[in-house]
Amino acid sequence: MRIRNREVQGLGLESARSIGVLFNAKDELTFKVIRDFSTELRGGGLRQVKALGFVPKTEVASFLQSSQDFDFFSKEDFNWFFKPQGRKVVGFMSEPFDILIDLRLNRSIPVLFIVGLSRAQFKVGRFGEGYKDFYDLMINVDDNADLGYLVTQIKHYLSMLNQKK
């Protein structure tokens, strides 16, 4: 992260033109929430939205196969130091998104590598002790909060940024 230079810009949803979404693709219900949120973020085609989901196994589940604008990665996309090396992951990290939204409820070192090395101008994720170097905006939700609640909170706070007065 020390070698990655980026200029932090606190962008809201109104002014963002490209958004990256990082998520855990553990089940069909989770994926539906992410897919609906991505569609909403696109704003009728006004924004480019790319989503990258972690799958626990190398093979992608059938409910994920028919999705467009979604890429998936697994443990095989990291080396034994947990540094990302897969083509999809490295490409996602290289994208200069206006906003990167991490929608994972559970933390993992390999995925924090992606957040830390991302070229995004503004990074948003769930609050966690020791993660202030990874995110520009952290949302504090209860440990038992579900993904829908985290999405609602992120939309609320991002819509507050750059509002015209």
Protein backbone atom coordinates (compact mmCIF):
# COMPACT_ATOMS: atom_id res chain seq x y z
CA MET A 1 0.00 0.00 0.00
CA ARG A 2 2.91 2.34 0.61
CA ILE A 3 3.95 2.24 -3.04
CA ARG A 4 0.42 2.92 -4.33
CA ASN A 5 -0.11 6.65 -4.75
CA ARG A 6 -3.67 7.79 -5.07
CA GLU A 7 -5.47 11.04 -4.54
CA VAL A 8 -8.41 10.60 -2.19
CA GLN A 9 -11.59 12.36 -3.30
CA GLY A 10 -14.75 12.14 -1.21
CA LEU A 11 -17.22 11.48 -3.98
CA GLY A 12 -20.90 10.88 -3.53
CA LEU A 13 -23.17 8.77 -5.68
CA GLU A 14 -24.30 11.79 -7.73
CA SER A 15 -20.82 12.63 -8.98
CA ALA A 16 -19.37 9.12 -9.37
CA ARG A 17 -19.06 7.83 -12.93
CA SER A 18 -17.39 4.48 -12.18
CA ILE A 19 -17.98 2.23 -9.19
CA GLY A 20 -16.31 -1.01 -8.18
CA VAL A 21 -18.13 -3.44 -5.90
CA LEU A 22 -16.32 -6.14 -3.95
CA PHE A 23 -18.43 -8.86 -2.35
CA ASN A 24 -18.65 -12.41 -1.05
CA ALA A 25 -20.63 -14.63 -3.44
CA LYS A 26 -21.49 -17.26 -0.87
CA ASP A 27 -25.12 -17.93 -1.77
CA GLU A 28 -27.92 -17.01 -4.15
CA LEU A 29 -29.69 -14.63 -1.75
CA THR A 30 -26.49 -12.62 -1.21
CA PHE A 31 -25.92 -12.46 -4.95
CA LYS A 32 -29.46 -11.18 -5.54
CA VAL A 33 -28.88 -8.30 -3.08
CA ILE A 34 -25.60 -7.44 -4.84
CA ARG A 35 -27.13 -7.69 -8.33
CA ASP A 36 -30.04 -5.40 -7.35
CA PHE A 37 -27.65 -2.90 -5.75
CA SER A 38 -25.43 -2.89 -8.86
CA THR A 39 -28.44 -2.25 -11.08
CA GLU A 40 -29.45 0.65 -8.84
CA LEU A 41 -25.91 2.05 -8.89
CA ARG A 42 -25.87 2.07 -12.70
CA GLY A 43 -28.58 4.72 -12.57
CA GLY A 44 -30.04 3.90 -15.97
CA GLY A 45 -26.64 3.55 -17.60
CA LEU A 46 -25.16 6.78 -16.24
CA ARG A 47 -22.41 4.92 -14.38
CA GLN A 48 -20.06 2.07 -15.10
CA VAL A 49 -20.30 -0.58 -12.37
CA LYS A 50 -17.96 -3.56 -12.13
CA ALA A 51 -18.40 -6.18 -9.44
CA LEU A 52 -15.88 -8.74 -8.22
CA GLY A 53 -17.10 -11.55 -6.01
CA PHE A 54 -15.18 -14.06 -3.89
CA VAL A 55 -16.30 -17.66 -4.33
CA PRO A 56 -15.06 -20.24 -1.82
CA LYS A 57 -14.50 -22.88 -4.51
CA THR A 58 -12.74 -22.64 -7.86
CA GLU A 59 -15.88 -23.55 -9.82
CA VAL A 60 -18.55 -20.86 -9.97
CA ALA A 61 -22.04 -21.84 -8.79
CA SER A 62 -24.77 -22.09 -11.41
CA PHE A 63 -26.71 -19.06 -10.13
CA LEU A 64 -23.60 -16.91 -10.78
CA GLN A 65 -22.82 -18.12 -14.30
CA SER A 66 -25.41 -16.08 -16.18
CA SER A 67 -24.47 -12.70 -14.71
CA GLN A 68 -22.96 -9.89 -16.79
CA ASP A 69 -20.55 -7.27 -15.46
CA PHE A 70 -19.62 -9.63 -12.63
CA ASP A 71 -16.29 -11.40 -12.27
CA PHE A 72 -15.40 -13.96 -9.65
CA PHE A 73 -12.22 -15.04 -7.92
CA SER A 74 -11.17 -17.71 -5.44
CA LYS A 75 -8.22 -18.59 -3.21
CA GLU A 76 -6.33 -19.77 -6.30
CA ASP A 77 -6.06 -16.13 -7.43
CA PHE A 78 -3.63 -15.37 -4.59
CA ASN A 79 -0.08 -16.53 -3.95
CA TRP A 80 0.98 -18.08 -0.66
CA PHE A 81 1.68 -14.57 0.77
CA PHE A 82 -2.03 -13.83 0.07
CA LYS A 83 -0.98 -11.30 -2.56
CA PRO A 84 -3.41 -11.09 -5.51
CA GLN A 85 -2.06 -12.52 -8.75
CA GLY A 86 -5.07 -13.63 -10.80
CA ARG A 87 -5.82 -11.72 -14.02
CA LYS A 88 -9.34 -10.69 -12.94
CA VAL A 89 -8.22 -9.54 -9.51
CA VAL A 90 -5.21 -7.57 -10.77
CA GLY A 91 -7.37 -5.97 -13.47
CA PHE A 92 -9.99 -4.97 -10.89
CA MET A 93 -7.32 -3.44 -8.61
CA SER A 94 -5.89 -1.47 -11.54
CA GLU A 95 -9.22 0.18 -12.41
CA PRO A 96 -9.28 3.85 -11.30
CA PHE A 97 -12.83 3.68 -9.92
CA ASP A 98 -14.36 6.85 -8.53
CA ILE A 99 -15.72 4.74 -5.65
CA LEU A 100 -14.85 1.24 -4.44
CA ILE A 101 -17.50 -0.34 -2.23
CA ASP A 102 -16.53 -3.38 -0.17
CA LEU A 103 -19.75 -5.20 0.75
CA ARG A 104 -18.22 -8.07 2.67
CA LEU A 105 -19.43 -8.55 6.21
CA ASN A 106 -16.48 -10.75 7.19
CA ARG A 107 -12.89 -9.65 6.79
CA SER A 108 -10.11 -11.65 5.20
CA ILE A 109 -6.48 -10.74 4.61
CA PRO A 110 -6.42 -11.67 0.90
CA VAL A 111 -9.40 -9.46 0.10
CA LEU A 112 -7.98 -6.58 2.13
CA PHE A 113 -5.01 -6.76 -0.26
CA ILE A 114 -7.43 -5.94 -3.08
CA VAL A 115 -8.90 -2.99 -1.18
CA GLY A 116 -5.49 -1.72 -0.10
CA LEU A 117 -3.94 -1.92 -3.56
CA SER A 118 -6.97 -0.60 -5.44
CA ARG A 119 -6.49 2.62 -7.42
CA ALA A 120 -10.00 3.79 -6.48
CA GLN A 121 -10.29 7.44 -5.47
CA PHE A 122 -12.69 6.75 -2.61
CA LYS A 123 -12.98 3.47 -0.70
CA VAL A 124 -16.00 2.52 1.39
CA GLY A 125 -16.43 -0.51 3.64
CA ARG A 126 -17.63 -1.87 6.94
CA PHE A 127 -15.99 -0.48 10.07
CA GLY A 128 -13.34 -2.60 11.69
CA GLU A 129 -10.62 -1.91 14.21
CA GLY A 130 -7.33 -1.50 12.38
CA TYR A 131 -8.85 -0.85 8.92
CA LYS A 132 -8.54 2.95 8.79
CA ASP A 133 -5.65 2.65 6.33
CA PHE A 134 -7.82 0.64 3.93
CA TYR A 135 -11.02 2.70 3.77
CA ASP A 136 -11.76 6.40 3.38
CA LEU A 137 -15.27 5.93 4.76
CA MET A 138 -16.21 3.15 7.16
CA ILE A 139 -19.79 2.26 8.05
CA ASN A 140 -20.30 0.95 11.58
CA VAL A 141 -22.93 -1.79 11.65
CA ASP A 142 -23.66 -4.41 14.30
CA ASP A 143 -21.93 -7.77 14.07
CA ASN A 144 -25.27 -9.44 13.41
CA ALA A 145 -26.31 -6.95 10.68
CA ASP A 146 -27.22 -8.41 7.31
CA LEU A 147 -26.01 -7.37 3.87
CA GLY A 148 -29.22 -5.50 3.05
CA TYR A 149 -28.73 -3.22 6.05
CA LEU A 150 -25.08 -2.52 5.10
CA VAL A 151 -26.17 -1.64 1.55
CA THR A 152 -28.86 0.72 2.90
CA GLN A 153 -26.33 2.48 5.14
CA ILE A 154 -23.77 2.84 2.35
CA LYS A 155 -26.39 4.33 0.00
CA HIS A 156 -27.49 6.72 2.75
CA TYR A 157 -24.01 8.06 3.52
CA LEU A 158 -22.80 8.19 -0.08
CA SER A 159 -25.91 10.12 -1.11
CA MET A 160 -25.10 12.70 1.58
CA LEU A 161 -21.70 13.47 0.04
CA ASN A 162 -21.54 16.20 -2.61
CA GLN A 163 -25.17 17.16 -2.22
CA LYS A 164 -26.06 20.55 -3.61
CA LYS A 165 -27.18 22.95 -0.96
